[in-house]
Protein backbone atom coordinates (compact mmCIF):
# COMPACT_ATOMS: atom_id res chain seq x y z
CA PRO A 1 -11.80 -3.05 21.49
CA ARG A 2 -8.32 -3.95 22.35
CA ALA A 3 -8.03 -6.82 19.74
CA PHE A 4 -8.21 -7.17 15.94
CA SER A 5 -7.58 -9.91 13.39
CA LEU A 6 -5.88 -9.94 10.01
CA SER A 7 -6.83 -12.51 7.32
CA LEU A 8 -4.45 -13.18 4.49
CA ALA A 9 -5.56 -15.04 1.38
CA GLY A 10 -3.71 -16.37 -1.51
CA PHE A 11 -0.95 -18.66 0.06
CA ILE A 12 -0.64 -21.84 -1.68
CA GLU A 13 0.14 -23.82 1.40
CA GLU A 14 -2.61 -22.23 3.48
CA PRO A 15 -5.35 -20.52 1.25
CA GLU A 16 -6.68 -18.64 4.30
CA ARG A 17 -4.41 -17.52 7.24
CA LYS A 18 -5.89 -15.57 10.18
CA TYR A 19 -3.82 -13.81 12.68
CA CYS A 20 -5.31 -12.46 15.95
CA PHE A 21 -3.71 -9.58 17.80
CA GLU A 22 -4.44 -8.25 21.28
CA CYS A 23 -2.96 -4.88 22.48
CA ALA A 24 -2.57 -3.39 26.06
CA THR A 25 -4.82 -0.38 25.04
CA GLU A 26 -7.32 0.61 22.61
CA GLU A 27 -5.03 3.34 21.38
CA GLN A 28 -2.21 1.02 20.81
CA CYS A 29 -4.65 -1.29 18.83
CA GLN A 30 -5.63 1.72 16.53
CA GLU A 31 -2.00 2.57 16.02
CA TRP A 32 -1.36 -1.10 14.84
CA VAL A 33 -4.31 -0.99 12.44
CA GLU A 34 -3.30 2.34 10.93
CA ALA A 35 0.41 1.14 10.54
CA LEU A 36 -0.79 -1.97 8.73
CA LYS A 37 -3.00 0.16 6.46
CA ARG A 38 -0.11 2.31 5.56
CA ALA A 39 2.00 -0.70 4.75
CA SER A 40 -0.69 -2.08 2.39
CA TYR A 41 -0.02 -2.50 -1.39
CA GLU A 42 -2.83 -0.19 -2.33
CA PHE A 43 -1.77 2.60 0.00
CA LEU A 44 1.78 2.47 -1.32
CA ARG A 45 0.60 2.40 -4.97
CA ARG A 46 -1.56 5.44 -4.34
CA SER A 47 1.27 7.23 -2.69
CA LEU A 48 3.61 6.41 -5.58
CA ILE A 49 1.05 7.79 -8.09
CA PHE A 50 0.56 10.94 -6.02
CA TYR A 51 4.27 11.72 -5.61
CA ARG A 52 4.95 10.78 -9.26
CA ASN A 53 2.34 13.41 -10.24
CA GLU A 54 3.65 16.02 -7.99
CA ILE A 55 7.23 15.50 -9.26
CA GLN A 56 5.94 15.70 -12.76
CA LYS A 57 4.16 19.01 -12.08
CA MET A 58 7.29 20.50 -10.63
CA THR A 59 9.89 19.22 -13.08
CA GLY A 60 7.78 18.76 -16.22
CA LYS A 61 9.43 15.20 -16.45
CA ASP A 62 8.10 11.88 -15.64
CA PRO A 63 10.41 10.62 -12.85
CA LEU A 64 9.96 6.96 -13.94
CA GLU A 65 11.45 7.63 -17.35
CA GLN A 66 15.04 7.66 -16.04
CA TYR A 67 14.61 4.17 -14.78
CA GLY A 68 13.55 2.91 -18.19
CA ILE A 69 10.03 1.90 -16.97
CA SER A 70 7.92 1.30 -20.09
CA GLU A 71 5.12 3.51 -21.30
CA GLU A 72 2.75 0.52 -20.73
CA ALA A 73 3.85 0.23 -17.05
CA ARG A 74 3.58 3.96 -16.51
CA PHE A 75 -0.09 3.85 -17.77
CA GLN A 76 -0.88 0.98 -15.42
CA LEU A 77 0.50 3.00 -12.59
CA GLY A 78 -1.96 5.80 -13.43
CA THR A 79 -5.03 3.73 -13.67
CA HIS A 80 -7.34 3.38 -10.53
CA ARG A 81 -8.82 0.03 -9.77
């Protein structure tokens, strides 16, 4: 209950990396797991989509337009995998 592991795939040098972590308490372990989830690509992607939609509702404008992000890229941000 005080340990967890993290496997990373896709590195050319090492196709499968595994890191093992041990914490002083179970609570500390859960905090680390939650922090890693919040730092994941998918979590950040969903957050971007949510806040983009909220800004668009409030202003009536797509906040990504001002940065010259193409229509195609905006469409990709809006699709859920």
